[in-house]
mmCIF file of all heavy atoms, coordinates in Angstrom:
data_MODEL
# 
_entry.id   MODEL 
# 
loop_
_atom_site.group_PDB 
_atom_site.id 
_atom_site.type_symbol 
_atom_site.label_atom_id 
_atom_site.label_alt_id 
_atom_site.label_comp_id 
_atom_site.label_asym_id 
_atom_site.label_entity_id 
_atom_site.label_seq_id 
_atom_site.pdbx_PDB_ins_code 
_atom_site.Cartn_x 
_atom_site.Cartn_y 
_atom_site.Cartn_z 
_atom_site.occupancy 
_atom_site.B_iso_or_equiv 
_atom_site.pdbx_formal_charge 
_atom_site.auth_seq_id 
_atom_site.auth_comp_id 
_atom_site.auth_asym_id 
_atom_site.auth_atom_id 
_atom_site.pdbx_PDB_model_num 
ATOM 1   N N   . GLU A 1 1  ? -169.123 -84.570  69.234 1.00 0.00 ? 1  GLU A N   1 
ATOM 2   C CA  . GLU A 1 1  ? -170.282 -83.898  68.617 1.00 0.00 ? 1  GLU A CA  1 
ATOM 3   C C   . GLU A 1 1  ? -171.512 -84.803  68.538 1.00 0.00 ? 1  GLU A C   1 
ATOM 4   O O   . GLU A 1 1  ? -172.602 -84.333  68.240 1.00 0.00 ? 1  GLU A O   1 
ATOM 5   C CB  . GLU A 1 1  ? -169.922 -83.448  67.188 1.00 0.00 ? 1  GLU A CB  1 
ATOM 6   C CG  . GLU A 1 1  ? -168.794 -82.455  67.116 1.00 0.00 ? 1  GLU A CG  1 
ATOM 7   C CD  . GLU A 1 1  ? -167.410 -83.111  67.108 1.00 0.00 ? 1  GLU A CD  1 
ATOM 8   O OE1 . GLU A 1 1  ? -167.303 -84.350  67.103 1.00 0.00 ? 1  GLU A OE1 1 
ATOM 9   O OE2 . GLU A 1 1  ? -166.427 -82.357  67.132 1.00 0.00 ? 1  GLU A OE2 1 
ATOM 10  N N   . LEU A 1 2  ? -171.361 -86.088  68.802 1.00 0.00 ? 2  LEU A N   1 
ATOM 11  C CA  . LEU A 1 2  ? -172.470 -87.031  68.674 1.00 0.00 ? 2  LEU A CA  1 
ATOM 12  C C   . LEU A 1 2  ? -173.556 -86.716  69.696 1.00 0.00 ? 2  LEU A C   1 
ATOM 13  O O   . LEU A 1 2  ? -173.305 -86.716  70.896 1.00 0.00 ? 2  LEU A O   1 
ATOM 14  C CB  . LEU A 1 2  ? -171.956 -88.457  68.878 1.00 0.00 ? 2  LEU A CB  1 
ATOM 15  C CG  . LEU A 1 2  ? -172.900 -89.580  68.489 1.00 0.00 ? 2  LEU A CG  1 
ATOM 16  C CD1 . LEU A 1 2  ? -173.112 -89.591  66.980 1.00 0.00 ? 2  LEU A CD1 1 
ATOM 17  C CD2 . LEU A 1 2  ? -172.341 -90.908  68.947 1.00 0.00 ? 2  LEU A CD2 1 
ATOM 18  N N   . PRO A 1 3  ? -174.781 -86.419  69.233 1.00 0.00 ? 3  PRO A N   1 
ATOM 19  C CA  . PRO A 1 3  ? -175.859 -86.103  70.172 1.00 0.00 ? 3  PRO A CA  1 
ATOM 20  C C   . PRO A 1 3  ? -176.252 -87.327  71.008 1.00 0.00 ? 3  PRO A C   1 
ATOM 21  O O   . PRO A 1 3  ? -176.157 -88.457  70.544 1.00 0.00 ? 3  PRO A O   1 
ATOM 22  C CB  . PRO A 1 3  ? -177.025 -85.675  69.282 1.00 0.00 ? 3  PRO A CB  1 
ATOM 23  C CG  . PRO A 1 3  ? -176.536 -85.675  67.897 1.00 0.00 ? 3  PRO A CG  1 
ATOM 24  C CD  . PRO A 1 3  ? -175.195 -86.319  67.851 1.00 0.00 ? 3  PRO A CD  1 
ATOM 25  N N   . THR A 1 4  ? -176.691 -87.086  72.231 1.00 0.00 ? 4  THR A N   1 
ATOM 26  C CA  . THR A 1 4  ? -177.098 -88.179  73.116 1.00 0.00 ? 4  THR A CA  1 
ATOM 27  C C   . THR A 1 4  ? -178.598 -88.436  72.994 1.00 0.00 ? 4  THR A C   1 
ATOM 28  O O   . THR A 1 4  ? -179.341 -87.626  72.465 1.00 0.00 ? 4  THR A O   1 
ATOM 29  C CB  . THR A 1 4  ? -176.734 -87.860  74.576 1.00 0.00 ? 4  THR A CB  1 
ATOM 30  O OG1 . THR A 1 4  ? -177.381 -86.659  74.965 1.00 0.00 ? 4  THR A OG1 1 
ATOM 31  C CG2 . THR A 1 4  ? -175.242 -87.721  74.748 1.00 0.00 ? 4  THR A CG2 1 
ATOM 32  N N   . GLY A 1 5  ? -179.020 -89.601  73.507 1.00 0.00 ? 5  GLY A N   1 
ATOM 33  C CA  . GLY A 1 5  ? -180.435 -89.941  73.561 1.00 0.00 ? 5  GLY A CA  1 
ATOM 34  C C   . GLY A 1 5  ? -181.004 -90.522  72.289 1.00 0.00 ? 5  GLY A C   1 
ATOM 35  O O   . GLY A 1 5  ? -182.217 -90.520  72.117 1.00 0.00 ? 5  GLY A O   1 
ATOM 36  N N   . GLN A 1 6  ? -180.176 -91.026  71.397 1.00 0.00 ? 6  GLN A N   1 
ATOM 37  C CA  . GLN A 1 6  ? -180.693 -91.612  70.159 1.00 0.00 ? 6  GLN A CA  1 
ATOM 38  C C   . GLN A 1 6  ? -179.844 -92.807  69.749 1.00 0.00 ? 6  GLN A C   1 
ATOM 39  O O   . GLN A 1 6  ? -178.713 -92.957  70.210 1.00 0.00 ? 6  GLN A O   1 
ATOM 40  C CB  . GLN A 1 6  ? -180.713 -90.576  69.052 1.00 0.00 ? 6  GLN A CB  1 
ATOM 41  C CG  . GLN A 1 6  ? -179.363 -90.005  68.688 1.00 0.00 ? 6  GLN A CG  1 
ATOM 42  C CD  . GLN A 1 6  ? -179.483 -88.877  67.684 1.00 0.00 ? 6  GLN A CD  1 
ATOM 43  O OE1 . GLN A 1 6  ? -180.554 -88.492  67.287 1.00 0.00 ? 6  GLN A OE1 1 
ATOM 44  N NE2 . GLN A 1 6  ? -178.352 -88.350  67.268 1.00 0.00 ? 6  GLN A NE2 1 
ATOM 45  N N   . PRO A 1 7  ? -180.372 -93.698  68.876 1.00 0.00 ? 7  PRO A N   1 
ATOM 46  C CA  . PRO A 1 7  ? -179.566 -94.819  68.388 1.00 0.00 ? 7  PRO A CA  1 
ATOM 47  C C   . PRO A 1 7  ? -178.393 -94.313  67.548 1.00 0.00 ? 7  PRO A C   1 
ATOM 48  O O   . PRO A 1 7  ? -178.419 -93.211  67.016 1.00 0.00 ? 7  PRO A O   1 
ATOM 49  C CB  . PRO A 1 7  ? -180.541 -95.613  67.516 1.00 0.00 ? 7  PRO A CB  1 
ATOM 50  C CG  . PRO A 1 7  ? -181.890 -95.131  67.878 1.00 0.00 ? 7  PRO A CG  1 
ATOM 51  C CD  . PRO A 1 7  ? -181.740 -93.736  68.382 1.00 0.00 ? 7  PRO A CD  1 
ATOM 52  N N   . VAL A 1 8  ? -177.361 -95.158  67.437 1.00 0.00 ? 8  VAL A N   1 
ATOM 53  C CA  . VAL A 1 8  ? -176.166 -94.800  66.675 1.00 0.00 ? 8  VAL A CA  1 
ATOM 54  C C   . VAL A 1 8  ? -175.923 -95.862  65.606 1.00 0.00 ? 8  VAL A C   1 
ATOM 55  O O   . VAL A 1 8  ? -175.848 -97.047  65.920 1.00 0.00 ? 8  VAL A O   1 
ATOM 56  C CB  . VAL A 1 8  ? -174.926 -94.720  67.586 1.00 0.00 ? 8  VAL A CB  1 
ATOM 57  C CG1 . VAL A 1 8  ? -173.696 -94.334  66.782 1.00 0.00 ? 8  VAL A CG1 1 
ATOM 58  C CG2 . VAL A 1 8  ? -175.141 -93.744  68.716 1.00 0.00 ? 8  VAL A CG2 1 
ATOM 59  N N   . ASP A 1 9  ? -175.806 -95.424  64.356 1.00 0.00 ? 9  ASP A N   1 
ATOM 60  C CA  . ASP A 1 9  ? -175.442 -96.320  63.265 1.00 0.00 ? 9  ASP A CA  1 
ATOM 61  C C   . ASP A 1 9  ? -173.944 -96.188  63.026 1.00 0.00 ? 9  ASP A C   1 
ATOM 62  O O   . ASP A 1 9  ? -173.446 -95.107  62.737 1.00 0.00 ? 9  ASP A O   1 
ATOM 63  C CB  . ASP A 1 9  ? -176.217 -95.976  61.992 1.00 0.00 ? 9  ASP A CB  1 
ATOM 64  C CG  . ASP A 1 9  ? -177.693 -96.314  62.114 1.00 0.00 ? 9  ASP A CG  1 
ATOM 65  O OD1 . ASP A 1 9  ? -178.017 -97.296  62.804 1.00 0.00 ? 9  ASP A OD1 1 
ATOM 66  O OD2 . ASP A 1 9  ? -178.522 -95.605  61.522 1.00 0.00 ? 9  ASP A OD2 1 
ATOM 67  N N   . VAL A 1 10 ? -173.224 -97.310  63.167 1.00 0.00 ? 10 VAL A N   1 
ATOM 68  C CA  . VAL A 1 10 ? -171.774 -97.338  63.019 1.00 0.00 ? 10 VAL A CA  1 
ATOM 69  C C   . VAL A 1 10 ? -171.439 -97.945  61.661 1.00 0.00 ? 10 VAL A C   1 
ATOM 70  O O   . VAL A 1 10 ? -171.981 -98.993  61.296 1.00 0.00 ? 10 VAL A O   1 
ATOM 71  C CB  . VAL A 1 10 ? -171.122 -98.174  64.141 1.00 0.00 ? 10 VAL A CB  1 
ATOM 72  C CG1 . VAL A 1 10 ? -169.607 -98.174  64.006 1.00 0.00 ? 10 VAL A CG1 1 
ATOM 73  C CG2 . VAL A 1 10 ? -171.549 -97.666  65.511 1.00 0.00 ? 10 VAL A CG2 1 
ATOM 74  N N   . GLU A 1 11 ? -170.546 -97.276  60.919 1.00 0.00 ? 11 GLU A N   1 
ATOM 75  C CA  . GLU A 1 11 ? -170.106 -97.771  59.617 1.00 0.00 ? 11 GLU A CA  1 
ATOM 76  C C   . GLU A 1 11 ? -168.589 -97.666  59.530 1.00 0.00 ? 11 GLU A C   1 
ATOM 77  O O   . GLU A 1 11 ? -168.013 -96.655  59.930 1.00 0.00 ? 11 GLU A O   1 
ATOM 78  C CB  . GLU A 1 11 ? -170.725 -96.949  58.493 1.00 0.00 ? 11 GLU A CB  1 
ATOM 79  C CG  . GLU A 1 11 ? -170.258 -97.347  57.105 1.00 0.00 ? 11 GLU A CG  1 
ATOM 80  C CD  . GLU A 1 11 ? -170.775 -96.408  56.041 1.00 0.00 ? 11 GLU A CD  1 
ATOM 81  O OE1 . GLU A 1 11 ? -172.001 -96.360  55.837 1.00 0.00 ? 11 GLU A OE1 1 
ATOM 82  O OE2 . GLU A 1 11 ? -169.952 -95.716  55.419 1.00 0.00 ? 11 GLU A OE2 1 
ATOM 83  N N   . VAL A 1 12 ? -167.955 -98.700  59.000 1.00 0.00 ? 12 VAL A N   1 
ATOM 84  C CA  . VAL A 1 12 ? -166.512 -98.703  58.774 1.00 0.00 ? 12 VAL A CA  1 
ATOM 85  C C   . VAL A 1 12 ? -166.278 -98.653  57.273 1.00 0.00 ? 12 VAL A C   1 
ATOM 86  O O   . VAL A 1 12 ? -166.932 -99.373  56.516 1.00 0.00 ? 12 VAL A O   1 
ATOM 87  C CB  . VAL A 1 12 ? -165.844 -99.966  59.362 1.00 0.00 ? 12 VAL A CB  1 
ATOM 88  C CG1 . VAL A 1 12 ? -164.361 -100.001 59.032 1.00 0.00 ? 12 VAL A CG1 1 
ATOM 89  C CG2 . VAL A 1 12 ? -166.049 -100.025 60.860 1.00 0.00 ? 12 VAL A CG2 1 
ATOM 90  N N   . GLN A 1 13 ? -165.344 -97.799  56.854 1.00 0.00 ? 13 GLN A N   1 
ATOM 91  C CA  . GLN A 1 13 ? -164.923 -97.758  55.456 1.00 0.00 ? 13 GLN A CA  1 
ATOM 92  C C   . GLN A 1 13 ? -163.448 -98.109  55.405 1.00 0.00 ? 13 GLN A C   1 
ATOM 93  O O   . GLN A 1 13 ? -162.654 -97.581  56.179 1.00 0.00 ? 13 GLN A O   1 
ATOM 94  C CB  . GLN A 1 13 ? -165.131 -96.377  54.841 1.00 0.00 ? 13 GLN A CB  1 
ATOM 95  C CG  . GLN A 1 13 ? -166.568 -96.005  54.655 1.00 0.00 ? 13 GLN A CG  1 
ATOM 96  C CD  . GLN A 1 13 ? -166.716 -94.652  53.989 1.00 0.00 ? 13 GLN A CD  1 
ATOM 97  O OE1 . GLN A 1 13 ? -165.742 -94.013  53.612 1.00 0.00 ? 13 GLN A OE1 1 
ATOM 98  N NE2 . GLN A 1 13 ? -167.944 -94.208  53.844 1.00 0.00 ? 13 GLN A NE2 1 
ATOM 99  N N   . SER A 1 14 ? -163.099 -99.014  54.498 1.00 0.00 ? 14 SER A N   1 
ATOM 100 C CA  . SER A 1 14 ? -161.703 -99.386  54.301 1.00 0.00 ? 14 SER A CA  1 
ATOM 101 C C   . SER A 1 14 ? -161.389 -99.272  52.823 1.00 0.00 ? 14 SER A C   1 
ATOM 102 O O   . SER A 1 14 ? -162.060 -99.894  51.995 1.00 0.00 ? 14 SER A O   1 
ATOM 103 C CB  . SER A 1 14 ? -161.456 -100.806 54.794 1.00 0.00 ? 14 SER A CB  1 
ATOM 104 O OG  . SER A 1 14 ? -160.100 -101.160 54.609 1.00 0.00 ? 14 SER A OG  1 
ATOM 105 N N   . ALA A 1 15 ? -160.395 -98.446  52.508 1.00 0.00 ? 15 ALA A N   1 
ATOM 106 C CA  . ALA A 1 15 ? -159.995 -98.198  51.123 1.00 0.00 ? 15 ALA A CA  1 
ATOM 107 C C   . ALA A 1 15 ? -161.190 -97.766  50.275 1.00 0.00 ? 15 ALA A C   1 
ATOM 108 O O   . ALA A 1 15 ? -161.311 -98.126  49.114 1.00 0.00 ? 15 ALA A O   1 
ATOM 109 C CB  . ALA A 1 15 ? -159.322 -99.430  50.531 1.00 0.00 ? 15 ALA A CB  1 
ATOM 110 N N   . GLY A 1 16 ? -162.107 -97.017  50.887 1.00 0.00 ? 16 GLY A N   1 
ATOM 111 C CA  . GLY A 1 16 ? -163.261 -96.498  50.169 1.00 0.00 ? 16 GLY A CA  1 
ATOM 112 C C   . GLY A 1 16 ? -164.450 -97.430  50.098 1.00 0.00 ? 16 GLY A C   1 
ATOM 113 O O   . GLY A 1 16 ? -165.506 -97.055  49.606 1.00 0.00 ? 16 GLY A O   1 
ATOM 114 N N   . PHE A 1 17 ? -164.326 -98.667  50.588 1.00 0.00 ? 17 PHE A N   1 
ATOM 115 C CA  . PHE A 1 17 ? -165.426 -99.620  50.563 1.00 0.00 ? 17 PHE A CA  1 
ATOM 116 C C   . PHE A 1 17 ? -166.110 -99.627  51.923 1.00 0.00 ? 17 PHE A C   1 
ATOM 117 O O   . PHE A 1 17 ? -165.466 -99.856  52.947 1.00 0.00 ? 17 PHE A O   1 
ATOM 118 C CB  . PHE A 1 17 ? -164.924 -101.027 50.223 1.00 0.00 ? 17 PHE A CB  1 
ATOM 119 C CG  . PHE A 1 17 ? -164.370 -101.137 48.836 1.00 0.00 ? 17 PHE A CG  1 
ATOM 120 C CD1 . PHE A 1 17 ? -163.008 -101.081 48.623 1.00 0.00 ? 17 PHE A CD1 1 
ATOM 121 C CD2 . PHE A 1 17 ? -165.213 -101.273 47.744 1.00 0.00 ? 17 PHE A CD2 1 
ATOM 122 C CE1 . PHE A 1 17 ? -162.487 -101.167 47.352 1.00 0.00 ? 17 PHE A CE1 1 
ATOM 123 C CE2 . PHE A 1 17 ? -164.709 -101.364 46.458 1.00 0.00 ? 17 PHE A CE2 1 
ATOM 124 C CZ  . PHE A 1 17 ? -163.335 -101.310 46.258 1.00 0.00 ? 17 PHE A CZ  1 
ATOM 125 N N   . PRO A 1 18 ? -167.442 -99.392  51.969 1.00 0.00 ? 18 PRO A N   1 
ATOM 126 C CA  . PRO A 1 18 ? -168.143 -99.322  53.259 1.00 0.00 ? 18 PRO A CA  1 
ATOM 127 C C   . PRO A 1 18 ? -168.644 -100.680 53.736 1.00 0.00 ? 18 PRO A C   1 
ATOM 128 O O   . PRO A 1 18 ? -168.904 -101.584 52.940 1.00 0.00 ? 18 PRO A O   1 
ATOM 129 C CB  . PRO A 1 18 ? -169.325 -98.406  52.949 1.00 0.00 ? 18 PRO A CB  1 
ATOM 130 C CG  . PRO A 1 18 ? -169.626 -98.700  51.505 1.00 0.00 ? 18 PRO A CG  1 
ATOM 131 C CD  . PRO A 1 18 ? -168.288 -98.985  50.857 1.00 0.00 ? 18 PRO A CD  1 
ATOM 132 N N   . SER A 1 19 ? -168.792 -100.797 55.044 1.00 0.00 ? 19 SER A N   1 
ATOM 133 C CA  . SER A 1 19 ? -169.455 -101.958 55.634 1.00 0.00 ? 19 SER A CA  1 
ATOM 134 C C   . SER A 1 19 ? -170.950 -101.652 55.694 1.00 0.00 ? 19 SER A C   1 
ATOM 135 O O   . SER A 1 19 ? -171.375 -100.520 55.482 1.00 0.00 ? 19 SER A O   1 
ATOM 136 C CB  . SER A 1 19 ? -168.935 -102.205 57.054 1.00 0.00 ? 19 SER A CB  1 
ATOM 137 O OG  . SER A 1 19 ? -169.347 -101.149 57.915 1.00 0.00 ? 19 SER A OG  1 
ATOM 138 N N   . ARG A 1 20 ? -171.731 -102.655 56.036 1.00 0.00 ? 20 ARG A N   1 
ATOM 139 C CA  . ARG A 1 20 ? -173.120 -102.386 56.405 1.00 0.00 ? 20 ARG A CA  1 
ATOM 140 C C   . ARG A 1 20 ? -173.090 -101.722 57.765 1.00 0.00 ? 20 ARG A C   1 
ATOM 141 O O   . ARG A 1 20 ? -172.177 -101.925 58.553 1.00 0.00 ? 20 ARG A O   1 
ATOM 142 C CB  . ARG A 1 20 ? -173.913 -103.686 56.491 1.00 0.00 ? 20 ARG A CB  1 
ATOM 143 C CG  . ARG A 1 20 ? -174.163 -104.313 55.159 1.00 0.00 ? 20 ARG A CG  1 
ATOM 144 C CD  . ARG A 1 20 ? -175.091 -105.487 55.296 1.00 0.00 ? 20 ARG A CD  1 
ATOM 145 N NE  . ARG A 1 20 ? -175.373 -106.020 53.984 1.00 0.00 ? 20 ARG A NE  1 
ATOM 146 C CZ  . ARG A 1 20 ? -175.989 -107.155 53.777 1.00 0.00 ? 20 ARG A CZ  1 
ATOM 147 N NH1 . ARG A 1 20 ? -176.389 -107.893 54.803 1.00 0.00 ? 20 ARG A NH1 1 
ATOM 148 N NH2 . ARG A 1 20 ? -176.216 -107.571 52.568 1.00 0.00 ? 20 ARG A NH2 1 
ATOM 149 N N   . THR A 1 21 ? -174.092 -100.932 58.056 1.00 0.00 ? 21 THR A N   1 
ATOM 150 C CA  . THR A 1 21 ? -174.111 -100.265 59.356 1.00 0.00 ? 21 THR A CA  1 
ATOM 151 C C   . THR A 1 21 ? -174.536 -101.252 60.438 1.00 0.00 ? 21 THR A C   1 
ATOM 152 O O   . THR A 1 21 ? -175.275 -102.196 60.186 1.00 0.00 ? 21 THR A O   1 
ATOM 153 C CB  . THR A 1 21 ? -175.062 -99.055  59.363 1.00 0.00 ? 21 THR A CB  1 
ATOM 154 O OG1 . THR A 1 21 ? -176.372 -99.496  59.043 1.00 0.00 ? 21 THR A OG1 1 
ATOM 155 C CG2 . THR A 1 21 ? -174.601 -97.995  58.383 1.00 0.00 ? 21 THR A CG2 1 
ATOM 156 N N   . LEU A 1 22 ? -174.018 -101.007 61.626 1.00 0.00 ? 22 LEU A N   1 
ATOM 157 C CA  . LEU A 1 22 ? -174.378 -101.778 62.804 1.00 0.00 ? 22 LEU A CA  1 
ATOM 158 C C   . LEU A 1 22 ? -174.958 -100.791 63.808 1.00 0.00 ? 22 LEU A C   1 
ATOM 159 O O   . LEU A 1 22 ? -174.328 -99.771  64.101 1.00 0.00 ? 22 LEU A O   1 
ATOM 160 C CB  . LEU A 1 22 ? -173.140 -102.472 63.372 1.00 0.00 ? 22 LEU A CB  1 
ATOM 161 C CG  . LEU A 1 22 ? -173.350 -103.505 64.462 1.00 0.00 ? 22 LEU A CG  1 
ATOM 162 C CD1 . LEU A 1 22 ? -174.178 -104.679 63.936 1.00 0.00 ? 22 LEU A CD1 1 
ATOM 163 C CD2 . LEU A 1 22 ? -172.009 -104.031 64.946 1.00 0.00 ? 22 LEU A CD2 1 
ATOM 164 N N   . ARG A 1 23 ? -176.142 -101.044 64.309 1.00 0.00 ? 23 ARG A N   1 
ATOM 165 C CA  . ARG A 1 23 ? -176.821 -100.101 65.193 1.00 0.00 ? 23 ARG A CA  1 
ATOM 166 C C   . ARG A 1 23 ? -176.537 -100.406 66.661 1.00 0.00 ? 23 ARG A C   1 
ATOM 167 O O   . ARG A 1 23 ? -176.654 -101.533 67.111 1.00 0.00 ? 23 ARG A O   1 
ATOM 168 C CB  . ARG A 1 23 ? -178.323 -100.125 64.960 1.00 0.00 ? 23 ARG A CB  1 
ATOM 169 C CG  . ARG A 1 23 ? -179.064 -99.158  65.890 1.00 0.00 ? 23 ARG A CG  1 
ATOM 170 C CD  . ARG A 1 23 ? -180.413 -98.817  65.403 1.00 0.00 ? 23 ARG A CD  1 
ATOM 171 N NE  . ARG A 1 23 ? -180.258 -97.815  64.361 1.00 0.00 ? 23 ARG A NE  1 
ATOM 172 C CZ  . ARG A 1 23 ? -181.285 -97.158  63.837 1.00 0.00 ? 23 ARG A CZ  1 
ATOM 173 N NH1 . ARG A 1 23 ? -182.500 -97.392  64.226 1.00 0.00 ? 23 ARG A NH1 1 
ATOM 174 N NH2 . ARG A 1 23 ? -181.071 -96.268  62.888 1.00 0.00 ? 23 ARG A NH2 1 
ATOM 175 N N   . VAL A 1 24 ? -176.157 -99.348  67.388 1.00 0.00 ? 24 VAL A N   1 
ATOM 176 C CA  . VAL A 1 24 ? -176.024 -99.389  68.840 1.00 0.00 ? 24 VAL A CA  1 
ATOM 177 C C   . VAL A 1 24 ? -177.283 -98.722  69.384 1.00 0.00 ? 24 VAL A C   1 
ATOM 178 O O   . VAL A 1 24 ? -177.720 -97.690  68.873 1.00 0.00 ? 24 VAL A O   1 
ATOM 179 C CB  . VAL A 1 24 ? -174.753 -98.648  69.309 1.00 0.00 ? 24 VAL A CB  1 
ATOM 180 C CG1 . VAL A 1 24 ? -174.660 -98.632  70.817 1.00 0.00 ? 24 VAL A CG1 1 
ATOM 181 C CG2 . VAL A 1 24 ? -173.516 -99.303  68.705 1.00 0.00 ? 24 VAL A CG2 1 
ATOM 182 N N   . ASN A 1 25 ? -177.874 -99.290  70.438 1.00 0.00 ? 25 ASN A N   1 
ATOM 183 C CA  . ASN A 1 25 ? -179.185 -98.863  70.935 1.00 0.00 ? 25 ASN A CA  1 
ATOM 184 C C   . ASN A 1 25 ? -179.322 -97.379  71.223 1.00 0.00 ? 25 ASN A C   1 
ATOM 185 O O   . ASN A 1 25 ? -180.326 -96.770  70.887 1.00 0.00 ? 25 ASN A O   1 
ATOM 186 C CB  . ASN A 1 25 ? -179.576 -99.638  72.185 1.00 0.00 ? 25 ASN A CB  1 
ATOM 187 C CG  . ASN A 1 25 ? -179.876 -101.083 71.878 1.00 0.00 ? 25 ASN A CG  1 
ATOM 188 O OD1 . ASN A 1 25 ? -180.059 -101.459 70.737 1.00 0.00 ? 25 ASN A OD1 1 
ATOM 189 N ND2 . ASN A 1 25 ? -179.897 -101.911 72.905 1.00 0.00 ? 25 ASN A ND2 1 
ATOM 190 N N   . ARG A 1 26 ? -178.297 -96.777  71.864 1.00 0.00 ? 26 ARG A N   1 
ATOM 191 C CA  . ARG A 1 26 ? -178.479 -95.384  72.275 1.00 0.00 ? 26 ARG A CA  1 
ATOM 192 C C   . ARG A 1 26 ? -177.139 -94.733  72.604 1.00 0.00 ? 26 ARG A C   1 
ATOM 193 O O   . ARG A 1 26 ? -176.121 -95.403  72.752 1.00 0.00 ? 26 ARG A O   1 
ATOM 194 C CB  . ARG A 1 26 ? -179.402 -95.293  73.483 1.00 0.00 ? 26 ARG A CB  1 
ATOM 195 C CG  . ARG A 1 26 ? -178.818 -95.917  74.742 1.00 0.00 ? 26 ARG A CG  1 
ATOM 196 C CD  . ARG A 1 26 ? -179.829 -96.001  75.877 1.00 0.00 ? 26 ARG A CD  1 
ATOM 197 N NE  . ARG A 1 26 ? -179.266 -96.617  77.056 1.00 0.00 ? 26 ARG A NE  1 
ATOM 198 C CZ  . ARG A 1 26 ? -179.089 -97.919  77.220 1.00 0.00 ? 26 ARG A CZ  1 
ATOM 199 N NH1 . ARG A 1 26 ? -179.420 -98.742  76.275 1.00 0.00 ? 26 ARG A NH1 1 
ATOM 200 N NH2 . ARG A 1 26 ? -178.563 -98.393  78.336 1.00 0.00 ? 26 ARG A NH2 1 
ATOM 201 N N   . THR A 1 27 ? -177.193 -93.419  72.777 1.00 0.00 ? 27 THR A N   1 
ATOM 202 C CA  . THR A 1 27 ? -176.050 -92.683  73.314 1.00 0.00 ? 27 THR A CA  1 
ATOM 203 C C   . THR A 1 27 ? -176.464 -92.136  74.670 1.00 0.00 ? 27 THR A C   1 
ATOM 204 O O   . THR A 1 27 ? -177.620 -91.793  74.885 1.00 0.00 ? 27 THR A O   1 
ATOM 205 C CB  . THR A 1 27 ? -175.629 -91.515  72.401 1.00 0.00 ? 27 THR A CB  1 
ATOM 206 O OG1 . THR A 1 27 ? -176.767 -90.711  72.140 1.00 0.00 ? 27 THR A OG1 1 
ATOM 207 C CG2 . THR A 1 27 ? -175.027 -92.017  71.115 1.00 0.00 ? 27 THR A CG2 1 
ATOM 208 N N   . GLU A 1 28 ? -175.506 -92.092  75.570 1.00 0.00 ? 28 GLU A N   1 
ATOM 209 C CA  . GLU A 1 28 ? -175.739 -91.559  76.907 1.00 0.00 ? 28 GLU A CA  1 
ATOM 210 C C   . GLU A 1 28 ? -174.750 -90.440  77.155 1.00 0.00 ? 28 GLU A C   1 
ATOM 211 O O   . GLU A 1 28 ? -173.669 -90.415  76.562 1.00 0.00 ? 28 GLU A O   1 
ATOM 212 C CB  . GLU A 1 28 ? -175.549 -92.660  77.958 1.00 0.00 ? 28 GLU A CB  1 
ATOM 213 C CG  . GLU A 1 28 ? -176.516 -93.812  77.818 1.00 0.00 ? 28 GLU A CG  1 
ATOM 214 C CD  . GLU A 1 28 ? -176.219 -94.938  78.806 1.00 0.00 ? 28 GLU A CD  1 
ATOM 215 O OE1 . GLU A 1 28 ? -175.112 -94.980  79.368 1.00 0.00 ? 28 GLU A OE1 1 
ATOM 216 O OE2 . GLU A 1 28 ? -177.102 -95.781  78.984 1.00 0.00 ? 28 GLU A OE2 1 
# 
């Protein structure tokens, strides 16, 4: 479902605690 043509912010949650987001430049 992830739309293409835009940056992607990735976040990991473990046991309910989130990480800071890490940005990937784009989706293709």
